[in-house]
Amino acid sequence: MEAGSQMQRGIWFRGADEDGTAPTILLAELIPSRLDWAQEGVRLALT
């Protein structure tokens, strides 16, 4: 039940570059998905 409720976990991660300044996005799994990072004004769709 819980697996079904959180399938979107683990597809995208957020971090920072090595000097800790610029935000970064990491794509970890090729699963059709949509990311909405409103804080940074970023919207991404993976098909």
All heavy atoms as atom14 arrays in JSON, in Angstrom:
{
  "sequence": "MEAGSQMQRGIWFRGADEDGTAPTILLAELIPSRLDWAQEGVRLALT",
  "atom14_mask": [
    [1, 1, 1, 1, 1, 1, 1, 1, 0, 0, 0, 0, 0, 0],
    [1, 1, 1, 1, 1, 1, 1, 1, 1, 0, 0, 0, 0, 0],
    [1, 1, 1, 1, 1, 0, 0, 0, 0, 0, 0, 0, 0, 0],
    [1, 1, 1, 1, 0, 0, 0, 0, 0, 0, 0, 0, 0, 0],
    [1, 1, 1, 1, 1, 1, 0, 0, 0, 0, 0, 0, 0, 0],
    [1, 1, 1, 1, 1, 1, 1, 1, 1, 0, 0, 0, 0, 0],
    [1, 1, 1, 1, 1, 1, 1, 1, 0, 0, 0, 0, 0, 0],
    [1, 1, 1, 1, 1, 1, 1, 1, 1, 0, 0, 0, 0, 0],
    [1, 1, 1, 1, 1, 1, 1, 1, 1, 1, 1, 0, 0, 0],
    [1, 1, 1, 1, 0, 0, 0, 0, 0, 0, 0, 0, 0, 0],
    [1, 1, 1, 1, 1, 1, 1, 1, 0, 0, 0, 0, 0, 0],
    [1, 1, 1, 1, 1, 1, 1, 1, 1, 1, 1, 1, 1, 1],
    [1, 1, 1, 1, 1, 1, 1, 1, 1, 1, 1, 0, 0, 0],
    [1, 1, 1, 1, 1, 1, 1, 1, 1, 1, 1, 0, 0, 0],
    [1, 1, 1, 1, 0, 0, 0, 0, 0, 0, 0, 0, 0, 0],
    [1, 1, 1, 1, 1, 0, 0, 0, 0, 0, 0, 0, 0, 0],
    [1, 1, 1, 1, 1, 1, 1, 1, 0, 0, 0, 0, 0, 0],
    [1, 1, 1, 1, 1, 1, 1, 1, 1, 0, 0, 0, 0, 0],
    [1, 1, 1, 1, 1, 1, 1, 1, 0, 0, 0, 0, 0, 0],
    [1, 1, 1, 1, 0, 0, 0, 0, 0, 0, 0, 0, 0, 0],
    [1, 1, 1, 1, 1, 1, 1, 0, 0, 0, 0, 0, 0, 0],
    [1, 1, 1, 1, 1, 0, 0, 0, 0, 0, 0, 0, 0, 0],
    [1, 1, 1, 1, 1, 1, 1, 0, 0, 0, 0, 0, 0, 0],
    [1, 1, 1, 1, 1, 1, 1, 0, 0, 0, 0, 0, 0, 0],
    [1, 1, 1, 1, 1, 1, 1, 1, 0, 0, 0, 0, 0, 0],
    [1, 1, 1, 1, 1, 1, 1, 1, 0, 0, 0, 0, 0, 0],
    [1, 1, 1, 1, 1, 1, 1, 1, 0, 0, 0, 0, 0, 0],
    [1, 1, 1, 1, 1, 0, 0, 0, 0, 0, 0, 0, 0, 0],
    [1, 1, 1, 1, 1, 1, 1, 1, 1, 0, 0, 0, 0, 0],
    [1, 1, 1, 1, 1, 1, 1, 1, 0, 0, 0, 0, 0, 0],
    [1, 1, 1, 1, 1, 1, 1, 1, 0, 0, 0, 0, 0, 0],
    [1, 1, 1, 1, 1, 1, 1, 0, 0, 0, 0, 0, 0, 0],
    [1, 1, 1, 1, 1, 1, 0, 0, 0, 0, 0, 0, 0, 0],
    [1, 1, 1, 1, 1, 1, 1, 1, 1, 1, 1, 0, 0, 0],
    [1, 1, 1, 1, 1, 1, 1, 1, 0, 0, 0, 0, 0, 0],
    [1, 1, 1, 1, 1, 1, 1, 1, 0, 0, 0, 0, 0, 0],
    [1, 1, 1, 1, 1, 1, 1, 1, 1, 1, 1, 1, 1, 1],
    [1, 1, 1, 1, 1, 0, 0, 0, 0, 0, 0, 0, 0, 0],
    [1, 1, 1, 1, 1, 1, 1, 1, 1, 0, 0, 0, 0, 0],
    [1, 1, 1, 1, 1, 1, 1, 1, 1, 0, 0, 0, 0, 0],
    [1, 1, 1, 1, 0, 0, 0, 0, 0, 0, 0, 0, 0, 0],
    [1, 1, 1, 1, 1, 1, 1, 0, 0, 0, 0, 0, 0, 0],
    [1, 1, 1, 1, 1, 1, 1, 1, 1, 1, 1, 0, 0, 0],
    [1, 1, 1, 1, 1, 1, 1, 1, 0, 0, 0, 0, 0, 0],
    [1, 1, 1, 1, 1, 0, 0, 0, 0, 0, 0, 0, 0, 0],
    [1, 1, 1, 1, 1, 1, 1, 1, 0, 0, 0, 0, 0, 0],
    [1, 1, 1, 1, 1, 1, 1, 0, 0, 0, 0, 0, 0, 0]
  ],
  "atom14_positions": [
    [[0.84, -1.21, 0.0], [0.0, 0.0, 0.0], [0.87, 1.25, 0.0], [0.63, 2.19, -0.76], [-0.89, 0.01, 1.23], [-1.96, -1.04, 1.3], [-2.85, -0.92, 2.89], [-3.94, -2.35, 2.78], [0.0, 0.0, 0.0], [0.0, 0.0, 0.0], [0.0, 0.0, 0.0], [0.0, 0.0, 0.0], [0.0, 0.0, 0.0], [0.0, 0.0, 0.0]],
    [[1.87, 1.25, 0.88], [2.73, 2.43, 0.96], [3.58, 2.61, -0.29], [3.85, 3.74, -0.71], [3.6, 2.34, 2.21], [2.82, 2.46, 3.51], [3.71, 2.79, 4.69], [4.4, 3.82, 4.64], [3.72, 1.98, 5.64], [0.0, 0.0, 0.0], [0.0, 0.0, 0.0], [0.0, 0.0, 0.0], [0.0, 0.0, 0.0], [0.0, 0.0, 0.0]],
    [[4.0, 1.5, -0.89], [4.78, 1.61, -2.13], [3.97, 2.31, -3.21], [4.48, 3.17, -3.94], [5.2, 0.22, -2.61], [0.0, 0.0, 0.0], [0.0, 0.0, 0.0], [0.0, 0.0, 0.0], [0.0, 0.0, 0.0], [0.0, 0.0, 0.0], [0.0, 0.0, 0.0], [0.0, 0.0, 0.0], [0.0, 0.0, 0.0], [0.0, 0.0, 0.0]],
    [[2.68, 1.98, -3.31], [1.84, 2.64, -4.31], [1.69, 4.12, -4.04], [1.57, 4.92, -4.98], [0.0, 0.0, 0.0], [0.0, 0.0, 0.0], [0.0, 0.0, 0.0], [0.0, 0.0, 0.0], [0.0, 0.0, 0.0], [0.0, 0.0, 0.0], [0.0, 0.0, 0.0], [0.0, 0.0, 0.0], [0.0, 0.0, 0.0], [0.0, 0.0, 0.0]],
    [[1.72, 4.5, -2.77], [1.46, 5.89, -2.41], [2.66, 6.81, -2.59], [2.51, 8.03, -2.48], [1.0, 5.96, -0.95], [2.07, 5.69, -0.06], [0.0, 0.0, 0.0], [0.0, 0.0, 0.0], [0.0, 0.0, 0.0], [0.0, 0.0, 0.0], [0.0, 0.0, 0.0], [0.0, 0.0, 0.0], [0.0, 0.0, 0.0], [0.0, 0.0, 0.0]],
    [[3.83, 6.24, -2.87], [5.04, 7.07, -2.97], [5.92, 6.66, -4.14], [7.14, 6.72, -4.05], [5.82, 7.01, -1.65], [6.16, 5.61, -1.18], [6.74, 5.6, 0.22], [6.7, 6.57, 0.95], [7.3, 4.45, 0.6], [0.0, 0.0, 0.0], [0.0, 0.0, 0.0], [0.0, 0.0, 0.0], [0.0, 0.0, 0.0], [0.0, 0.0, 0.0]],
    [[5.3, 6.29, -5.25], [6.06, 5.9, -6.44], [6.92, 7.04, -6.96], [7.93, 6.82, -7.63], [5.11, 5.43, -7.55], [4.49, 4.08, -7.32], [5.68, 2.74, -7.4], [4.55, 1.33, -7.38], [0.0, 0.0, 0.0], [0.0, 0.0, 0.0], [0.0, 0.0, 0.0], [0.0, 0.0, 0.0], [0.0, 0.0, 0.0], [0.0, 0.0, 0.0]],
    [[6.54, 8.3, -6.67], [7.29, 9.44, -7.19], [8.58, 9.69, -6.44], [9.41, 10.49, -6.88], [6.42, 10.69, -7.18], [5.96, 11.2, -5.82], [4.62, 10.65, -5.37], [4.44, 9.44, -5.35], [3.7, 11.54, -4.99], [0.0, 0.0, 0.0], [0.0, 0.0, 0.0], [0.0, 0.0, 0.0], [0.0, 0.0, 0.0], [0.0, 0.0, 0.0]],
    [[8.78, 9.01, -5.31], [10.02, 9.21, -4.55], [11.2, 8.59, -5.28], [11.1, 7.53, -5.85], [9.89, 8.58, -3.17], [9.2, 9.49, -2.18], [9.55, 9.14, -0.76], [8.97, 10.12, 0.15], [8.42, 9.83, 1.31], [8.38, 8.59, 1.72], [7.92, 10.78, 2.07], [0.0, 0.0, 0.0], [0.0, 0.0, 0.0], [0.0, 0.0, 0.0]],
    [[12.33, 9.27, -5.21], [13.57, 8.71, -5.75], [13.8, 8.97, -7.22], [14.83, 8.55, -7.75], [0.0, 0.0, 0.0], [0.0, 0.0, 0.0], [0.0, 0.0, 0.0], [0.0, 0.0, 0.0], [0.0, 0.0, 0.0], [0.0, 0.0, 0.0], [0.0, 0.0, 0.0], [0.0, 0.0, 0.0], [0.0, 0.0, 0.0], [0.0, 0.0, 0.0]],
    [[12.87, 9.64, -7.9], [13.08, 9.95, -9.32], [13.96, 11.18, -9.46], [14.91, 11.2, -10.23], [11.73, 10.16, -10.03], [10.85, 8.91, -9.89], [11.96, 10.48, -11.5], [9.44, 9.09, -10.46], [0.0, 0.0, 0.0], [0.0, 0.0, 0.0], [0.0, 0.0, 0.0], [0.0, 0.0, 0.0], [0.0, 0.0, 0.0], [0.0, 0.0, 0.0]],
    [[13.64, 12.21, -8.71], [14.38, 13.47, -8.76], [14.91, 13.81, -7.36], [14.23, 13.58, -6.37], [13.46, 14.62, -9.21], [12.8, 14.42, -10.55], [11.6, 13.79, -10.79], [13.28, 14.86, -11.81], [11.31, 13.82, -12.12], [12.33, 14.47, -12.79], [14.42, 15.55, -12.22], [12.49, 14.76, -14.14], [14.58, 15.84, -13.57], [13.62, 15.44, -14.51]],
    [[16.12, 14.38, -7.33], [16.71, 14.88, -6.08], [17.18, 16.32, -6.31], [17.46, 16.73, -7.44], [17.92, 14.03, -5.65], [17.58, 12.65, -5.18], [17.46, 11.6, -6.08], [17.38, 12.39, -3.83], [17.15, 10.32, -5.65], [17.07, 11.12, -3.38], [16.96, 10.07, -4.3], [0.0, 0.0, 0.0], [0.0, 0.0, 0.0], [0.0, 0.0, 0.0]],
    [[17.28, 17.05, -5.21], [17.83, 18.41, -5.28], [19.08, 18.5, -4.42], [19.2, 17.81, -3.41], [16.8, 19.44, -4.82], [16.28, 19.23, -3.41], [15.18, 20.24, -3.09], [14.55, 19.96, -1.82], [14.99, 20.35, -0.63], [16.1, 21.07, -0.56], [14.34, 20.07, 0.47], [0.0, 0.0, 0.0], [0.0, 0.0, 0.0], [0.0, 0.0, 0.0]],
    [[20.01, 19.31, -4.86], [21.25, 19.48, -4.12], [21.87, 20.81, -4.45], [21.21, 21.74, -4.91], [0.0, 0.0, 0.0], [0.0, 0.0, 0.0], [0.0, 0.0, 0.0], [0.0, 0.0, 0.0], [0.0, 0.0, 0.0], [0.0, 0.0, 0.0], [0.0, 0.0, 0.0], [0.0, 0.0, 0.0], [0.0, 0.0, 0.0], [0.0, 0.0, 0.0]],
    [[23.16, 20.92, -4.22], [23.9, 22.14, -4.54], [25.22, 21.73, -5.17], [25.67, 20.58, -5.02], [24.14, 22.98, -3.29], [0.0, 0.0, 0.0], [0.0, 0.0, 0.0], [0.0, 0.0, 0.0], [0.0, 0.0, 0.0], [0.0, 0.0, 0.0], [0.0, 0.0, 0.0], [0.0, 0.0, 0.0], [0.0, 0.0, 0.0], [0.0, 0.0, 0.0]],
    [[25.86, 22.66, -5.9], [27.15, 22.32, -6.48], [28.21, 22.26, -5.39], [27.93, 22.44, -4.21], [27.52, 23.31, -7.59], [27.67, 24.74, -7.08], [27.67, 24.92, -5.84], [27.77, 25.65, -7.9], [0.0, 0.0, 0.0], [0.0, 0.0, 0.0], [0.0, 0.0, 0.0], [0.0, 0.0, 0.0], [0.0, 0.0, 0.0], [0.0, 0.0, 0.0]],
    [[29.43, 21.99, -5.78], [30.48, 21.69, -4.8], [30.78, 22.84, -3.85], [31.17, 22.62, -2.7], [31.76, 21.25, -5.52], [31.61, 19.89, -6.19], [32.91, 19.39, -6.79], [33.91, 20.12, -6.66], [32.92, 18.3, -7.37], [0.0, 0.0, 0.0], [0.0, 0.0, 0.0], [0.0, 0.0, 0.0], [0.0, 0.0, 0.0], [0.0, 0.0, 0.0]],
    [[30.58, 24.09, -4.29], [30.84, 25.19, -3.36], [29.59, 25.58, -2.58], [29.6, 26.55, -1.81], [31.42, 26.41, -4.09], [30.44, 26.99, -5.12], [29.28, 26.54, -5.16], [30.86, 27.9, -5.86], [0.0, 0.0, 0.0], [0.0, 0.0, 0.0], [0.0, 0.0, 0.0], [0.0, 0.0, 0.0], [0.0, 0.0, 0.0], [0.0, 0.0, 0.0]],
    [[28.49, 24.81, -2.76], [27.3, 25.0, -1.94], [26.45, 26.18, -2.32], [25.62, 26.63, -1.53], [0.0, 0.0, 0.0], [0.0, 0.0, 0.0], [0.0, 0.0, 0.0], [0.0, 0.0, 0.0], [0.0, 0.0, 0.0], [0.0, 0.0, 0.0], [0.0, 0.0, 0.0], [0.0, 0.0, 0.0], [0.0, 0.0, 0.0], [0.0, 0.0, 0.0]],
    [[26.6, 26.7, -3.55], [25.85, 27.9, -3.92], [24.7, 27.57, -4.87], [23.53, 27.65, -4.49], [26.78, 28.94, -4.53], [27.51, 28.35, -5.65], [27.79, 29.43, -3.5], [0.0, 0.0, 0.0], [0.0, 0.0, 0.0], [0.0, 0.0, 0.0], [0.0, 0.0, 0.0], [0.0, 0.0, 0.0], [0.0, 0.0, 0.0], [0.0, 0.0, 0.0]],
    [[25.01, 27.19, -6.1], [23.97, 27.03, -7.11], [23.14, 25.77, -6.85], [23.69, 24.71, -6.59], [24.6, 26.96, -8.5], [0.0, 0.0, 0.0], [0.0, 0.0, 0.0], [0.0, 0.0, 0.0], [0.0, 0.0, 0.0], [0.0, 0.0, 0.0], [0.0, 0.0, 0.0], [0.0, 0.0, 0.0], [0.0, 0.0, 0.0], [0.0, 0.0, 0.0]],
    [[21.81, 25.89, -6.89], [20.98, 24.69, -6.73], [21.13, 23.76, -7.93], [21.34, 24.21, -9.06], [19.57, 25.26, -6.65], [19.63, 26.56, -7.38], [21.02, 27.09, -7.12], [0.0, 0.0, 0.0], [0.0, 0.0, 0.0], [0.0, 0.0, 0.0], [0.0, 0.0, 0.0], [0.0, 0.0, 0.0], [0.0, 0.0, 0.0], [0.0, 0.0, 0.0]],
    [[21.05, 22.47, -7.69], [21.18, 21.49, -8.75], [20.01, 20.51, -8.69], [19.4, 20.31, -7.64], [22.5, 20.7, -8.65], [22.5, 19.99, -7.41], [23.7, 21.61, -8.71], [0.0, 0.0, 0.0], [0.0, 0.0, 0.0], [0.0, 0.0, 0.0], [0.0, 0.0, 0.0], [0.0, 0.0, 0.0], [0.0, 0.0, 0.0], [0.0, 0.0, 0.0]],
    [[19.72, 19.91, -9.83], [18.69, 18.88, -9.93], [19.35, 17.62, -10.44], [20.14, 17.65, -11.39], [17.57, 19.31, -10.89], [16.81, 20.51, -10.32], [16.59, 18.16, -11.14], [15.8, 21.1, -11.28], [0.0, 0.0, 0.0], [0.0, 0.0, 0.0], [0.0, 0.0, 0.0], [0.0, 0.0, 0.0], [0.0, 0.0, 0.0], [0.0, 0.0, 0.0]],
    [[19.05, 16.52, -9.8], [19.62, 15.23, -10.21], [18.48, 14.31, -10.61], [17.53, 14.09, -9.85], [20.41, 14.61, -9.04], [21.16, 13.31, -9.33], [22.42, 13.23, -8.49], [20.3, 12.08, -9.03], [0.0, 0.0, 0.0], [0.0, 0.0, 0.0], [0.0, 0.0, 0.0], [0.0, 0.0, 0.0], [0.0, 0.0, 0.0], [0.0, 0.0, 0.0]],
    [[18.55, 13.77, -11.82], [17.58, 12.78, -12.3], [18.15, 11.4, -12.04], [19.21, 11.05, -12.55], [17.31, 12.97, -13.79], [16.47, 11.88, -14.47], [15.07, 11.82, -13.87], [16.38, 12.14, -15.97], [0.0, 0.0, 0.0], [0.0, 0.0, 0.0], [0.0, 0.0, 0.0], [0.0, 0.0, 0.0], [0.0, 0.0, 0.0], [0.0, 0.0, 0.0]],
    [[17.44, 10.6, -11.24], [17.96, 9.3, -10.8], [17.32, 8.12, -11.5], [17.93, 7.06, -11.59], [17.78, 9.15, -9.29], [0.0, 0.0, 0.0], [0.0, 0.0, 0.0], [0.0, 0.0, 0.0], [0.0, 0.0, 0.0], [0.0, 0.0, 0.0], [0.0, 0.0, 0.0], [0.0, 0.0, 0.0], [0.0, 0.0, 0.0], [0.0, 0.0, 0.0]],
    [[16.09, 8.28, -11.98], [15.37, 7.15, -12.58], [14.6, 7.61, -13.81], [13.97, 8.67, -13.8], [14.38, 6.55, -11.56], [15.05, 5.98, -10.33], [14.07, 5.68, -9.21], [12.91, 6.12, -9.29], [14.48, 5.01, -8.24], [0.0, 0.0, 0.0], [0.0, 0.0, 0.0], [0.0, 0.0, 0.0], [0.0, 0.0, 0.0], [0.0, 0.0, 0.0]],
    [[14.63, 6.79, -14.85], [13.92, 7.12, -16.09], [12.48, 6.6, -15.98], [12.12, 5.55, -16.51], [14.64, 6.52, -17.29], [16.0, 7.16, -17.6], [16.71, 6.43, -18.73], [15.84, 8.64, -17.94], [0.0, 0.0, 0.0], [0.0, 0.0, 0.0], [0.0, 0.0, 0.0], [0.0, 0.0, 0.0], [0.0, 0.0, 0.0], [0.0, 0.0, 0.0]],
    [[11.66, 7.37, -15.29], [10.25, 7.06, -15.08], [9.45, 8.27, -15.53], [9.78, 9.4, -15.15], [9.97, 6.75, -13.6], [10.72, 5.48, -13.17], [8.48, 6.6, -13.34], [10.63, 5.18, -11.68], [0.0, 0.0, 0.0], [0.0, 0.0, 0.0], [0.0, 0.0, 0.0], [0.0, 0.0, 0.0], [0.0, 0.0, 0.0], [0.0, 0.0, 0.0]],
    [[8.42, 8.09, -16.36], [7.63, 9.25, -16.8], [7.14, 10.05, -15.61], [6.45, 9.52, -14.74], [6.46, 8.61, -17.56], [6.92, 7.25, -17.93], [7.87, 6.82, -16.86], [0.0, 0.0, 0.0], [0.0, 0.0, 0.0], [0.0, 0.0, 0.0], [0.0, 0.0, 0.0], [0.0, 0.0, 0.0], [0.0, 0.0, 0.0], [0.0, 0.0, 0.0]],
    [[7.48, 11.32, -15.57], [7.19, 12.1, -14.37], [7.24, 13.59, -14.67], [7.72, 14.02, -15.72], [8.18, 11.77, -13.26], [9.51, 11.98, -13.69], [0.0, 0.0, 0.0], [0.0, 0.0, 0.0], [0.0, 0.0, 0.0], [0.0, 0.0, 0.0], [0.0, 0.0, 0.0], [0.0, 0.0, 0.0], [0.0, 0.0, 0.0], [0.0, 0.0, 0.0]],
    [[6.72, 14.34, -13.7], [6.74, 15.79, -13.79], [7.27, 16.34, -12.48], [6.86, 15.9, -11.39], [5.33, 16.31, -14.07], [5.25, 17.81, -14.33], [3.9, 18.22, -14.9], [2.79, 17.71, -14.11], [1.93, 16.77, -14.52], [2.1, 16.24, -15.73], [0.94, 16.37, -13.76], [0.0, 0.0, 0.0], [0.0, 0.0, 0.0], [0.0, 0.0, 0.0]],
    [[8.18, 17.31, -12.57], [8.76, 17.97, -11.41], [8.35, 19.43, -11.41], [8.47, 20.11, -12.42], [10.3, 17.86, -11.44], [11.06, 18.74, -10.43], [10.78, 18.29, -9.0], [12.56, 18.71, -10.72], [0.0, 0.0, 0.0], [0.0, 0.0, 0.0], [0.0, 0.0, 0.0], [0.0, 0.0, 0.0], [0.0, 0.0, 0.0], [0.0, 0.0, 0.0]],
    [[7.85, 19.9, -10.26], [7.48, 21.31, -10.11], [8.22, 21.86, -8.9], [7.83, 21.64, -7.76], [5.97, 21.43, -9.91], [5.51, 22.88, -9.89], [6.37, 23.79, -9.9], [4.29, 23.12, -9.85], [0.0, 0.0, 0.0], [0.0, 0.0, 0.0], [0.0, 0.0, 0.0], [0.0, 0.0, 0.0], [0.0, 0.0, 0.0], [0.0, 0.0, 0.0]],
    [[9.32, 22.56, -9.15], [10.13, 23.16, -8.09], [9.81, 24.65, -8.07], [10.55, 25.48, -8.6], [11.61, 22.92, -8.36], [12.5, 23.17, -7.18], [12.13, 23.54, -5.92], [13.93, 23.08, -7.15], [13.22, 23.68, -5.1], [14.34, 23.4, -5.83], [14.89, 22.76, -8.09], [15.68, 23.42, -5.45], [16.22, 22.76, -7.72], [16.61, 23.09, -6.41]],
    [[8.7, 24.99, -7.43], [8.2, 26.37, -7.46], [9.18, 27.35, -6.85], [9.31, 28.49, -7.31], [6.86, 26.44, -6.73], [0.0, 0.0, 0.0], [0.0, 0.0, 0.0], [0.0, 0.0, 0.0], [0.0, 0.0, 0.0], [0.0, 0.0, 0.0], [0.0, 0.0, 0.0], [0.0, 0.0, 0.0], [0.0, 0.0, 0.0], [0.0, 0.0, 0.0]],
    [[9.91, 26.93, -5.82], [10.86, 27.81, -5.14], [11.9, 28.37, -6.1], [12.34, 29.51, -5.98], [11.54, 27.04, -4.01], [12.56, 27.85, -3.23], [13.26, 27.02, -2.17], [12.88, 25.89, -1.9], [14.29, 27.59, -1.56], [0.0, 0.0, 0.0], [0.0, 0.0, 0.0], [0.0, 0.0, 0.0], [0.0, 0.0, 0.0], [0.0, 0.0, 0.0]],
    [[12.32, 27.54, -7.07], [13.32, 27.97, -8.05], [12.71, 28.3, -9.4], [13.43, 28.59, -10.37], [14.38, 26.87, -8.22], [15.15, 26.55, -6.96], [16.04, 27.69, -6.49], [16.38, 28.57, -7.34], [16.36, 27.75, -5.3], [0.0, 0.0, 0.0], [0.0, 0.0, 0.0], [0.0, 0.0, 0.0], [0.0, 0.0, 0.0], [0.0, 0.0, 0.0]],
    [[11.37, 28.23, -9.49], [10.72, 28.54, -10.76], [11.02, 27.52, -11.84], [11.09, 27.88, -13.04], [0.0, 0.0, 0.0], [0.0, 0.0, 0.0], [0.0, 0.0, 0.0], [0.0, 0.0, 0.0], [0.0, 0.0, 0.0], [0.0, 0.0, 0.0], [0.0, 0.0, 0.0], [0.0, 0.0, 0.0], [0.0, 0.0, 0.0], [0.0, 0.0, 0.0]],
    [[11.19, 26.27, -11.46], [11.57, 25.23, -12.43], [10.44, 24.21, -12.55], [9.94, 23.69, -11.55], [12.85, 24.51, -11.98], [13.17, 23.34, -12.91], [14.02, 25.49, -11.93], [0.0, 0.0, 0.0], [0.0, 0.0, 0.0], [0.0, 0.0, 0.0], [0.0, 0.0, 0.0], [0.0, 0.0, 0.0], [0.0, 0.0, 0.0], [0.0, 0.0, 0.0]],
    [[10.07, 23.93, -13.8], [9.13, 22.85, -14.09], [9.73, 21.98, -15.18], [10.13, 22.47, -16.23], [7.77, 23.41, -14.54], [6.99, 24.08, -13.44], [5.65, 24.61, -13.94], [4.86, 25.16, -12.86], [4.96, 26.41, -12.43], [5.85, 27.22, -13.0], [4.21, 26.87, -11.45], [0.0, 0.0, 0.0], [0.0, 0.0, 0.0], [0.0, 0.0, 0.0]],
    [[9.8, 20.68, -14.9], [10.37, 19.74, -15.85], [9.41, 18.58, -16.06], [8.75, 18.13, -15.13], [11.71, 19.19, -15.33], [12.85, 20.2, -15.15], [14.05, 19.52, -14.49], [13.26, 20.8, -16.49], [0.0, 0.0, 0.0], [0.0, 0.0, 0.0], [0.0, 0.0, 0.0], [0.0, 0.0, 0.0], [0.0, 0.0, 0.0], [0.0, 0.0, 0.0]],
    [[9.36, 18.1, -17.3], [8.57, 16.9, -17.61], [9.46, 15.89, -18.29], [10.24, 16.23, -19.19], [7.39, 17.26, -18.51], [0.0, 0.0, 0.0], [0.0, 0.0, 0.0], [0.0, 0.0, 0.0], [0.0, 0.0, 0.0], [0.0, 0.0, 0.0], [0.0, 0.0, 0.0], [0.0, 0.0, 0.0], [0.0, 0.0, 0.0], [0.0, 0.0, 0.0]],
    [[9.4, 14.64, -17.85], [10.18, 13.56, -18.45], [9.23, 12.59, -19.12], [8.34, 12.03, -18.46], [11.0, 12.83, -17.38], [11.75, 11.59, -17.82], [12.83, 11.93, -18.84], [12.35, 10.86, -16.63], [0.0, 0.0, 0.0], [0.0, 0.0, 0.0], [0.0, 0.0, 0.0], [0.0, 0.0, 0.0], [0.0, 0.0, 0.0], [0.0, 0.0, 0.0]],
    [[9.41, 12.4, -20.42], [8.62, 11.42, -21.17], [9.54, 10.3, -21.6], [10.54, 10.55, -22.25], [7.97, 12.08, -22.4], [7.17, 13.18, -21.96], [7.1, 11.08, -23.14], [0.0, 0.0, 0.0], [0.0, 0.0, 0.0], [0.0, 0.0, 0.0], [0.0, 0.0, 0.0], [0.0, 0.0, 0.0], [0.0, 0.0, 0.0], [0.0, 0.0, 0.0]]
  ]
}
